[in-house]
Amino acid sequence: YANLIRHQLRKIPQVQLSEPHKNTANHVSFTIEGIDTEELYRSLIQNSDKPPIYLELYTAEKKAESCLIAAPNYFVTEQEIDVFYQQIKSFCFRLKEK
């Protein structure tokens, strides 16, 4: 399912996929151009009570190298991945309107 998440996120121009910080193919590391990674993380966590896609905030010494790591759980569905994609897309759209 990580490949499906990568495929969906590549559709959003502001999303930049990063090199994985974990040693597994099941993690997707990404940032969004012009958005503070910590702010995005807090927003996504607040808007989902029990996310099927585990999110981790990777904080680097240099803030510019921080990213989000998305890791779908074993039982995630394609519909849940689509909801995650729509959340990210909506976040980017709201940013453009500011």
PDB file of N, CA and C in Angstrom:
ATOM      1  N   TYR A   1       0.797  -1.203   0.000  1.00  0.00           N
ATOM      2  CA  TYR A   1       0.000   0.000   0.000  1.00  0.00           C
ATOM      3  C   TYR A   1       0.841   1.269   0.000  1.00  0.00           C
ATOM      4  N   ALA A   2       2.082   1.179   0.414  1.00  0.00           N
ATOM      5  CA  ALA A   2       2.951   2.356   0.394  1.00  0.00           C
ATOM      6  C   ALA A   2       3.120   2.868  -1.031  1.00  0.00           C
ATOM      7  N   ASN A   3       3.196   1.953  -1.991  1.00  0.00           N
ATOM      8  CA  ASN A   3       3.316   2.382  -3.383  1.00  0.00           C
ATOM      9  C   ASN A   3       2.082   3.137  -3.843  1.00  0.00           C
ATOM     10  N   LEU A   4       0.912   2.733  -3.392  1.00  0.00           N
ATOM     11  CA  LEU A   4      -0.322   3.444  -3.737  1.00  0.00           C
ATOM     12  C   LEU A   4      -0.306   4.845  -3.120  1.00  0.00           C
ATOM     13  N   ILE A   5       0.158   4.950  -1.889  1.00  0.00           N
ATOM     14  CA  ILE A   5       0.269   6.273  -1.249  1.00  0.00           C
ATOM     15  C   ILE A   5       1.237   7.149  -2.045  1.00  0.00           C
ATOM     16  N   ARG A   6       2.387   6.598  -2.424  1.00  0.00           N
ATOM     17  CA  ARG A   6       3.355   7.361  -3.223  1.00  0.00           C
ATOM     18  C   ARG A   6       2.720   7.827  -4.527  1.00  0.00           C
ATOM     19  N   HIS A   7       2.015   6.925  -5.188  1.00  0.00           N
ATOM     20  CA  HIS A   7       1.362   7.251  -6.461  1.00  0.00           C
ATOM     21  C   HIS A   7       0.365   8.399  -6.279  1.00  0.00           C
ATOM     22  N   GLN A   8      -0.447   8.337  -5.225  1.00  0.00           N
ATOM     23  CA  GLN A   8      -1.447   9.369  -4.974  1.00  0.00           C
ATOM     24  C   GLN A   8      -0.763  10.704  -4.650  1.00  0.00           C
ATOM     25  N   LEU A   9       0.241  10.674  -3.785  1.00  0.00           N
ATOM     26  CA  LEU A   9       0.895  11.914  -3.388  1.00  0.00           C
ATOM     27  C   LEU A   9       1.630  12.589  -4.545  1.00  0.00           C
ATOM     28  N   ARG A  10       2.112  11.800  -5.488  1.00  0.00           N
ATOM     29  CA  ARG A  10       2.802  12.387  -6.655  1.00  0.00           C
ATOM     30  C   ARG A  10       1.853  13.222  -7.513  1.00  0.00           C
ATOM     31  N   LYS A  11       0.559  13.037  -7.358  1.00  0.00           N
ATOM     32  CA  LYS A  11      -0.435  13.814  -8.118  1.00  0.00           C
ATOM     33  C   LYS A  11      -0.545  15.255  -7.611  1.00  0.00           C
ATOM     34  N   ILE A  12      -0.045  15.520  -6.416  1.00  0.00           N
ATOM     35  CA  ILE A  12      -0.151  16.844  -5.811  1.00  0.00           C
ATOM     36  C   ILE A  12       1.171  17.575  -6.045  1.00  0.00           C
ATOM     37  N   PRO A  13       1.133  18.657  -6.831  1.00  0.00           N
ATOM     38  CA  PRO A  13       2.388  19.328  -7.199  1.00  0.00           C
ATOM     39  C   PRO A  13       3.248  19.795  -6.029  1.00  0.00           C
ATOM     40  N   GLN A  14       2.626  20.210  -4.920  1.00  0.00           N
ATOM     41  CA  GLN A  14       3.392  20.735  -3.793  1.00  0.00           C
ATOM     42  C   GLN A  14       4.084  19.653  -2.967  1.00  0.00           C
ATOM     43  N   VAL A  15       3.667  18.415  -3.134  1.00  0.00           N
ATOM     44  CA  VAL A  15       4.228  17.326  -2.336  1.00  0.00           C
ATOM     45  C   VAL A  15       5.575  16.899  -2.908  1.00  0.00           C
ATOM     46  N   GLN A  16       6.534  16.777  -2.020  1.00  0.00           N
ATOM     47  CA  GLN A  16       7.860  16.311  -2.407  1.00  0.00           C
ATOM     48  C   GLN A  16       8.157  15.036  -1.624  1.00  0.00           C
ATOM     49  N   LEU A  17       8.290  13.940  -2.337  1.00  0.00           N
ATOM     50  CA  LEU A  17       8.649  12.684  -1.674  1.00  0.00           C
ATOM     51  C   LEU A  17      10.122  12.743  -1.314  1.00  0.00           C
ATOM     52  N   SER A  18      10.438  12.253  -0.134  1.00  0.00           N
ATOM     53  CA  SER A  18      11.812  12.280   0.369  1.00  0.00           C
ATOM     54  C   SER A  18      12.394  10.875   0.349  1.00  0.00           C
ATOM     55  N   GLU A  19      13.693  10.836   0.507  1.00  0.00           N
ATOM     56  CA  GLU A  19      14.334   9.543   0.685  1.00  0.00           C
ATOM     57  C   GLU A  19      13.830   8.961   1.998  1.00  0.00           C
ATOM     58  N   PRO A  20      13.557   7.677   2.033  1.00  0.00           N
ATOM     59  CA  PRO A  20      13.038   7.099   3.276  1.00  0.00           C
ATOM     60  C   PRO A  20      14.037   7.201   4.419  1.00  0.00           C
ATOM     61  N   HIS A  21      13.524   7.546   5.587  1.00  0.00           N
ATOM     62  CA  HIS A  21      14.364   7.610   6.778  1.00  0.00           C
ATOM     63  C   HIS A  21      14.301   6.295   7.550  1.00  0.00           C
ATOM     64  N   LYS A  22      13.445   5.436   7.097  1.00  0.00           N
ATOM     65  CA  LYS A  22      13.320   4.114   7.714  1.00  0.00           C
ATOM     66  C   LYS A  22      13.819   3.093   6.699  1.00  0.00           C
ATOM     67  N   ASN A  23      14.225   1.967   7.184  1.00  0.00           N
ATOM     68  CA  ASN A  23      14.776   0.940   6.320  1.00  0.00           C
ATOM     69  C   ASN A  23      13.689  -0.037   5.881  1.00  0.00           C
ATOM     70  N   THR A  24      12.627   0.485   5.279  1.00  0.00           N
ATOM     71  CA  THR A  24      11.546  -0.381   4.844  1.00  0.00           C
ATOM     72  C   THR A  24      10.826   0.227   3.658  1.00  0.00           C
ATOM     73  N   ALA A  25      10.301  -0.606   2.815  1.00  0.00           N
ATOM     74  CA  ALA A  25       9.555  -0.135   1.645  1.00  0.00           C
ATOM     75  C   ALA A  25       8.144   0.273   2.017  1.00  0.00           C
ATOM     76  N   ASN A  26       7.732   0.004   3.254  1.00  0.00           N
ATOM     77  CA  ASN A  26       6.361   0.284   3.658  1.00  0.00           C
ATOM     78  C   ASN A  26       6.190   1.684   4.256  1.00  0.00           C
ATOM     79  N   HIS A  27       7.206   2.527   4.184  1.00  0.00           N
ATOM     80  CA  HIS A  27       7.133   3.885   4.700  1.00  0.00           C
ATOM     81  C   HIS A  27       7.252   4.875   3.549  1.00  0.00           C
ATOM     82  N   VAL A  28       6.490   5.956   3.634  1.00  0.00           N
ATOM     83  CA  VAL A  28       6.544   7.011   2.627  1.00  0.00           C
ATOM     84  C   VAL A  28       6.920   8.305   3.343  1.00  0.00           C
ATOM     85  N   SER A  29       8.065   8.856   2.996  1.00  0.00           N
ATOM     86  CA  SER A  29       8.525  10.107   3.600  1.00  0.00           C
ATOM     87  C   SER A  29       8.218  11.239   2.635  1.00  0.00           C
ATOM     88  N   PHE A  30       7.643  12.328   3.175  1.00  0.00           N
ATOM     89  CA  PHE A  30       7.297  13.441   2.297  1.00  0.00           C
ATOM     90  C   PHE A  30       7.230  14.760   3.051  1.00  0.00           C
ATOM     91  N   THR A  31       7.307  15.832   2.272  1.00  0.00           N
ATOM     92  CA  THR A  31       7.095  17.184   2.767  1.00  0.00           C
ATOM     93  C   THR A  31       6.156  17.873   1.792  1.00  0.00           C
ATOM     94  N   ILE A  32       5.676  19.034   2.187  1.00  0.00           N
ATOM     95  CA  ILE A  32       4.857  19.835   1.290  1.00  0.00           C
ATOM     96  C   ILE A  32       5.497  21.210   1.203  1.00  0.00           C
ATOM     97  N   GLU A  33       5.775  21.609  -0.012  1.00  0.00           N
ATOM     98  CA  GLU A  33       6.441  22.871  -0.259  1.00  0.00           C
ATOM     99  C   GLU A  33       5.659  24.027   0.381  1.00  0.00           C
ATOM    100  N   GLY A  34       6.364  24.834   1.155  1.00  0.00           N
ATOM    101  CA  GLY A  34       5.749  26.012   1.757  1.00  0.00           C
ATOM    102  C   GLY A  34       4.967  25.751   3.032  1.00  0.00           C
ATOM    103  N   ILE A  35       4.992  24.520   3.531  1.00  0.00           N
ATOM    104  CA  ILE A  35       4.241  24.185   4.737  1.00  0.00           C
ATOM    105  C   ILE A  35       5.193  23.679   5.808  1.00  0.00           C
ATOM    106  N   ASP A  36       5.030  24.210   7.001  1.00  0.00           N
ATOM    107  CA  ASP A  36       5.806  23.739   8.133  1.00  0.00           C
ATOM    108  C   ASP A  36       5.396  22.291   8.436  1.00  0.00           C
ATOM    109  N   THR A  37       6.366  21.409   8.452  1.00  0.00           N
ATOM    110  CA  THR A  37       6.089  19.978   8.628  1.00  0.00           C
ATOM    111  C   THR A  37       5.395  19.693   9.956  1.00  0.00           C
ATOM    112  N   GLU A  38       5.802  20.365  11.014  1.00  0.00           N
ATOM    113  CA  GLU A  38       5.173  20.148  12.318  1.00  0.00           C
ATOM    114  C   GLU A  38       3.718  20.600  12.311  1.00  0.00           C
ATOM    115  N   GLU A  39       3.429  21.718  11.635  1.00  0.00           N
ATOM    116  CA  GLU A  39       2.056  22.213  11.536  1.00  0.00           C
ATOM    117  C   GLU A  39       1.181  21.210  10.774  1.00  0.00           C
ATOM    118  N   LEU A  40       1.706  20.683   9.683  1.00  0.00           N
ATOM    119  CA  LEU A  40       0.968  19.687   8.913  1.00  0.00           C
ATOM    120  C   LEU A  40       0.695  18.445   9.750  1.00  0.00           C
ATOM    121  N   TYR A  41       1.702  17.994  10.462  1.00  0.00           N
ATOM    122  CA  TYR A  41       1.558  16.812  11.312  1.00  0.00           C
ATOM    123  C   TYR A  41       0.451  17.018  12.348  1.00  0.00           C
ATOM    124  N   ARG A  42       0.510  18.145  13.053  1.00  0.00           N
ATOM    125  CA  ARG A  42      -0.510  18.431  14.077  1.00  0.00           C
ATOM    126  C   ARG A  42      -1.904  18.482  13.462  1.00  0.00           C
ATOM    127  N   SER A  43      -2.024  19.100  12.306  1.00  0.00           N
ATOM    128  CA  SER A  43      -3.326  19.213  11.647  1.00  0.00           C
ATOM    129  C   SER A  43      -3.878  17.844  11.257  1.00  0.00           C
ATOM    130  N   LEU A  44      -3.050  16.997  10.700  1.00  0.00           N
ATOM    131  CA  LEU A  44      -3.504  15.666  10.275  1.00  0.00           C
ATOM    132  C   LEU A  44      -3.872  14.800  11.473  1.00  0.00           C
ATOM    133  N   ILE A  45      -3.095  14.891  12.537  1.00  0.00           N
ATOM    134  CA  ILE A  45      -3.376  14.092  13.727  1.00  0.00           C
ATOM    135  C   ILE A  45      -4.669  14.553  14.399  1.00  0.00           C
ATOM    136  N   GLN A  46      -4.877  15.865  14.463  1.00  0.00           N
ATOM    137  CA  GLN A  46      -6.088  16.398  15.092  1.00  0.00           C
ATOM    138  C   GLN A  46      -7.351  15.996  14.343  1.00  0.00           C
ATOM    139  N   ASN A  47      -7.242  15.829  13.038  1.00  0.00           N
ATOM    140  CA  ASN A  47      -8.423  15.560  12.226  1.00  0.00           C
ATOM    141  C   ASN A  47      -8.714  14.085  12.013  1.00  0.00           C
ATOM    142  N   SER A  48      -8.041  13.223  12.736  1.00  0.00           N
ATOM    143  CA  SER A  48      -8.344  11.793  12.610  1.00  0.00           C
ATOM    144  C   SER A  48      -8.167  11.133  13.971  1.00  0.00           C
ATOM    145  N   ASP A  49      -9.204  10.437  14.422  1.00  0.00           N
ATOM    146  CA  ASP A  49      -9.156   9.851  15.755  1.00  0.00           C
ATOM    147  C   ASP A  49      -8.354   8.561  15.820  1.00  0.00           C
ATOM    148  N   LYS A  50      -8.439   7.739  14.814  1.00  0.00           N
ATOM    149  CA  LYS A  50      -7.674   6.484  14.790  1.00  0.00           C
ATOM    150  C   LYS A  50      -7.242   6.225  13.348  1.00  0.00           C
ATOM    151  N   PRO A  51      -6.192   6.909  12.923  1.00  0.00           N
ATOM    152  CA  PRO A  51      -5.818   6.823  11.507  1.00  0.00           C
ATOM    153  C   PRO A  51      -5.305   5.442  11.095  1.00  0.00           C
ATOM    154  N   PRO A  52      -5.743   4.944   9.939  1.00  0.00           N
ATOM    155  CA  PRO A  52      -5.237   3.676   9.421  1.00  0.00           C
ATOM    156  C   PRO A  52      -3.829   3.818   8.848  1.00  0.00           C
ATOM    157  N   ILE A  53      -3.433   5.063   8.669  1.00  0.00           N
ATOM    158  CA  ILE A  53      -2.086   5.333   8.180  1.00  0.00           C
ATOM    159  C   ILE A  53      -1.341   6.026   9.314  1.00  0.00           C
ATOM    160  N   TYR A  54      -0.391   5.327   9.879  1.00  0.00           N
ATOM    161  CA  TYR A  54       0.387   5.855  10.993  1.00  0.00           C
ATOM    162  C   TYR A  54       1.271   6.990  10.480  1.00  0.00           C
ATOM    163  N   LEU A  55       1.255   8.111  11.173  1.00  0.00           N
ATOM    164  CA  LEU A  55       2.102   9.240  10.804  1.00  0.00           C
ATOM    165  C   LEU A  55       3.144   9.471  11.879  1.00  0.00           C
ATOM    166  N   GLU A  56       4.341   9.703  11.443  1.00  0.00           N
ATOM    167  CA  GLU A  56       5.436  10.016  12.354  1.00  0.00           C
ATOM    168  C   GLU A  56       6.093  11.292  11.862  1.00  0.00           C
ATOM    169  N   LEU A  57       6.423  12.158  12.787  1.00  0.00           N
ATOM    170  CA  LEU A  57       7.134  13.383  12.446  1.00  0.00           C
ATOM    171  C   LEU A  57       8.621  13.121  12.624  1.00  0.00           C
ATOM    172  N   TYR A  58       9.366  13.210  11.545  1.00  0.00           N
ATOM    173  CA  TYR A  58      10.821  13.046  11.613  1.00  0.00           C
ATOM    174  C   TYR A  58      11.424  14.437  11.710  1.00  0.00           C
ATOM    175  N   THR A  59      12.053  14.730  12.822  1.00  0.00           N
ATOM    176  CA  THR A  59      12.673  16.043  12.993  1.00  0.00           C
ATOM    177  C   THR A  59      14.174  15.903  12.873  1.00  0.00           C
ATOM    178  N   ALA A  60      14.707  16.643  11.942  1.00  0.00           N
ATOM    179  CA  ALA A  60      16.148  16.645  11.711  1.00  0.00           C
ATOM    180  C   ALA A  60      16.757  17.847  12.424  1.00  0.00           C
ATOM    181  N   GLU A  61      18.067  17.837  12.562  1.00  0.00           N
ATOM    182  CA  GLU A  61      18.746  18.990  13.166  1.00  0.00           C
ATOM    183  C   GLU A  61      18.450  20.252  12.362  1.00  0.00           C
ATOM    184  N   LYS A  62      18.483  20.124  11.051  1.00  0.00           N
ATOM    185  CA  LYS A  62      18.118  21.237  10.181  1.00  0.00           C
ATOM    186  C   LYS A  62      16.626  21.104   9.901  1.00  0.00           C
ATOM    187  N   LYS A  63      15.858  22.114  10.296  1.00  0.00           N
ATOM    188  CA  LYS A  63      14.410  22.055  10.154  1.00  0.00           C
ATOM    189  C   LYS A  63      13.983  21.752   8.715  1.00  0.00           C
ATOM    190  N   ALA A  64      14.753  22.237   7.738  1.00  0.00           N
ATOM    191  CA  ALA A  64      14.412  22.026   6.330  1.00  0.00           C
ATOM    192  C   ALA A  64      14.464  20.547   5.936  1.00  0.00           C
ATOM    193  N   GLU A  65      15.154  19.730   6.729  1.00  0.00           N
ATOM    194  CA  GLU A  65      15.274  18.311   6.413  1.00  0.00           C
ATOM    195  C   GLU A  65      14.227  17.464   7.140  1.00  0.00           C
ATOM    196  N   SER A  66      13.362  18.096   7.916  1.00  0.00           N
ATOM    197  CA  SER A  66      12.295  17.367   8.603  1.00  0.00           C
ATOM    198  C   SER A  66      11.262  16.905   7.582  1.00  0.00           C
ATOM    199  N   CYS A  67      10.565  15.838   7.907  1.00  0.00           N
ATOM    200  CA  CYS A  67       9.548  15.337   6.989  1.00  0.00           C
ATOM    201  C   CYS A  67       8.515  14.526   7.764  1.00  0.00           C
ATOM    202  N   LEU A  68       7.444  14.197   7.083  1.00  0.00           N
ATOM    203  CA  LEU A  68       6.455  13.283   7.637  1.00  0.00           C
ATOM    204  C   LEU A  68       6.720  11.907   7.079  1.00  0.00           C
ATOM    205  N   ILE A  69       6.495  10.907   7.897  1.00  0.00           N
ATOM    206  CA  ILE A  69       6.628   9.524   7.445  1.00  0.00           C
ATOM    207  C   ILE A  69       5.265   8.871   7.609  1.00  0.00           C
ATOM    208  N   ALA A  70       4.713   8.417   6.502  1.00  0.00           N
ATOM    209  CA  ALA A  70       3.422   7.736   6.518  1.00  0.00           C
ATOM    210  C   ALA A  70       3.667   6.238   6.386  1.00  0.00           C
ATOM    211  N   ALA A  71       3.040   5.474   7.261  1.00  0.00           N
ATOM    212  CA  ALA A  71       3.185   4.018   7.234  1.00  0.00           C
ATOM    213  C   ALA A  71       1.798   3.386   7.349  1.00  0.00           C
ATOM    214  N   PRO A  72       1.292   2.858   6.249  1.00  0.00           N
ATOM    215  CA  PRO A  72      -0.034   2.243   6.313  1.00  0.00           C
ATOM    216  C   PRO A  72       0.001   0.963   7.144  1.00  0.00           C
ATOM    217  N   ASN A  73      -1.047   0.773   7.953  1.00  0.00           N
ATOM    218  CA  ASN A  73      -1.078  -0.476   8.706  1.00  0.00           C
ATOM    219  C   ASN A  73      -1.492  -1.623   7.789  1.00  0.00           C
ATOM    220  N   TYR A  74      -1.385  -2.816   8.281  1.00  0.00           N
ATOM    221  CA  TYR A  74      -1.613  -4.020   7.482  1.00  0.00           C
ATOM    222  C   TYR A  74      -3.028  -4.099   6.936  1.00  0.00           C
ATOM    223  N   PHE A  75      -3.996  -3.549   7.665  1.00  0.00           N
ATOM    224  CA  PHE A  75      -5.394  -3.685   7.286  1.00  0.00           C
ATOM    225  C   PHE A  75      -5.958  -2.460   6.574  1.00  0.00           C
ATOM    226  N   VAL A  76      -5.108  -1.527   6.144  1.00  0.00           N
ATOM    227  CA  VAL A  76      -5.580  -0.321   5.479  1.00  0.00           C
ATOM    228  C   VAL A  76      -6.281  -0.688   4.165  1.00  0.00           C
ATOM    229  N   THR A  77      -7.293   0.100   3.821  1.00  0.00           N
ATOM    230  CA  THR A  77      -8.012  -0.141   2.568  1.00  0.00           C
ATOM    231  C   THR A  77      -7.651   0.950   1.557  1.00  0.00           C
ATOM    232  N   GLU A  78      -7.956   0.712   0.310  1.00  0.00           N
ATOM    233  CA  GLU A  78      -7.704   1.725  -0.710  1.00  0.00           C
ATOM    234  C   GLU A  78      -8.552   2.967  -0.465  1.00  0.00           C
ATOM    235  N   GLN A  79      -9.751   2.783   0.077  1.00  0.00           N
ATOM    236  CA  GLN A  79     -10.605   3.920   0.396  1.00  0.00           C
ATOM    237  C   GLN A  79      -9.952   4.793   1.481  1.00  0.00           C
ATOM    238  N   GLU A  80      -9.337   4.171   2.471  1.00  0.00           N
ATOM    239  CA  GLU A  80      -8.673   4.927   3.527  1.00  0.00           C
ATOM    240  C   GLU A  80      -7.454   5.667   2.991  1.00  0.00           C
ATOM    241  N   ILE A  81      -6.767   5.073   2.050  1.00  0.00           N
ATOM    242  CA  ILE A  81      -5.641   5.751   1.414  1.00  0.00           C
ATOM    243  C   ILE A  81      -6.154   6.952   0.632  1.00  0.00           C
ATOM    244  N   ASP A  82      -7.304   6.785  -0.014  1.00  0.00           N
ATOM    245  CA  ASP A  82      -7.889   7.899  -0.756  1.00  0.00           C
ATOM    246  C   ASP A  82      -8.288   9.035   0.199  1.00  0.00           C
ATOM    247  N   VAL A  83      -8.806   8.702   1.357  1.00  0.00           N
ATOM    248  CA  VAL A  83      -9.148   9.725   2.350  1.00  0.00           C
ATOM    249  C   VAL A  83      -7.888  10.476   2.777  1.00  0.00           C
ATOM    250  N   PHE A  84      -6.801   9.753   3.006  1.00  0.00           N
ATOM    251  CA  PHE A  84      -5.524  10.368   3.367  1.00  0.00           C
ATOM    252  C   PHE A  84      -5.060  11.311   2.252  1.00  0.00           C
ATOM    253  N   TYR A  85      -5.137  10.846   1.021  1.00  0.00           N
ATOM    254  CA  TYR A  85      -4.760  11.657  -0.141  1.00  0.00           C
ATOM    255  C   TYR A  85      -5.611  12.926  -0.196  1.00  0.00           C
ATOM    256  N   GLN A  86      -6.910  12.784   0.023  1.00  0.00           N
ATOM    257  CA  GLN A  86      -7.806  13.944  -0.014  1.00  0.00           C
ATOM    258  C   GLN A  86      -7.472  14.933   1.107  1.00  0.00           C
ATOM    259  N   GLN A  87      -7.074  14.440   2.266  1.00  0.00           N
ATOM    260  CA  GLN A  87      -6.677  15.322   3.372  1.00  0.00           C
ATOM    261  C   GLN A  87      -5.461  16.157   2.979  1.00  0.00           C
ATOM    262  N   ILE A  88      -4.475  15.508   2.393  1.00  0.00           N
ATOM    263  CA  ILE A  88      -3.256  16.211   1.983  1.00  0.00           C
ATOM    264  C   ILE A  88      -3.586  17.211   0.877  1.00  0.00           C
ATOM    265  N   LYS A  89      -4.363  16.780  -0.081  1.00  0.00           N
ATOM    266  CA  LYS A  89      -4.758  17.641  -1.201  1.00  0.00           C
ATOM    267  C   LYS A  89      -5.524  18.866  -0.689  1.00  0.00           C
ATOM    268  N   SER A  90      -6.441  18.652   0.237  1.00  0.00           N
ATOM    269  CA  SER A  90      -7.226  19.737   0.812  1.00  0.00           C
ATOM    270  C   SER A  90      -6.327  20.719   1.570  1.00  0.00           C
ATOM    271  N   PHE A  91      -5.377  20.192   2.301  1.00  0.00           N
ATOM    272  CA  PHE A  91      -4.433  21.031   3.050  1.00  0.00           C
ATOM    273  C   PHE A  91      -3.663  21.939   2.072  1.00  0.00           C
ATOM    274  N   CYS A  92      -3.220  21.374   0.965  1.00  0.00           N
ATOM    275  CA  CYS A  92      -2.477  22.150  -0.043  1.00  0.00           C
ATOM    276  C   CYS A  92      -3.382  23.202  -0.688  1.00  0.00           C
ATOM    277  N   PHE A  93      -4.628  22.853  -0.928  1.00  0.00           N
ATOM    278  CA  PHE A  93      -5.575  23.776  -1.541  1.00  0.00           C
ATOM    279  C   PHE A  93      -5.827  24.969  -0.617  1.00  0.00           C
ATOM    280  N   ARG A  94      -6.013  24.686   0.681  1.00  0.00           N
ATOM    281  CA  ARG A  94      -6.220  25.776   1.646  1.00  0.00           C
ATOM    282  C   ARG A  94      -5.003  26.689   1.703  1.00  0.00           C
ATOM    283  N   LEU A  95      -3.832  26.115   1.588  1.00  0.00           N
ATOM    284  CA  LEU A  95      -2.602  26.912   1.608  1.00  0.00           C
ATOM    285  C   LEU A  95      -2.568  27.857   0.412  1.00  0.00           C
ATOM    286  N   LYS A  96      -2.975  27.382  -0.760  1.00  0.00           N
ATOM    287  CA  LYS A  96      -2.966  28.204  -1.969  1.00  0.00           C
ATOM    288  C   LYS A  96      -3.931  29.381  -1.841  1.00  0.00           C
ATOM    289  N   GLU A  97      -5.031  29.187  -1.093  1.00  0.00           N
ATOM    290  CA  GLU A  97      -6.026  30.246  -0.963  1.00  0.00           C
ATOM    291  C   GLU A  97      -5.562  31.375  -0.049  1.00  0.00           C
ATOM    292  N   LYS A  98      -4.592  31.119   0.809  1.00  0.00           N
ATOM    293  CA  LYS A  98      -4.120  32.158   1.752  1.00  0.00           C
ATOM    294  C   LYS A  98      -3.316  33.221   1.054  1.00  0.00           C
TER     295      LYS A  98
END
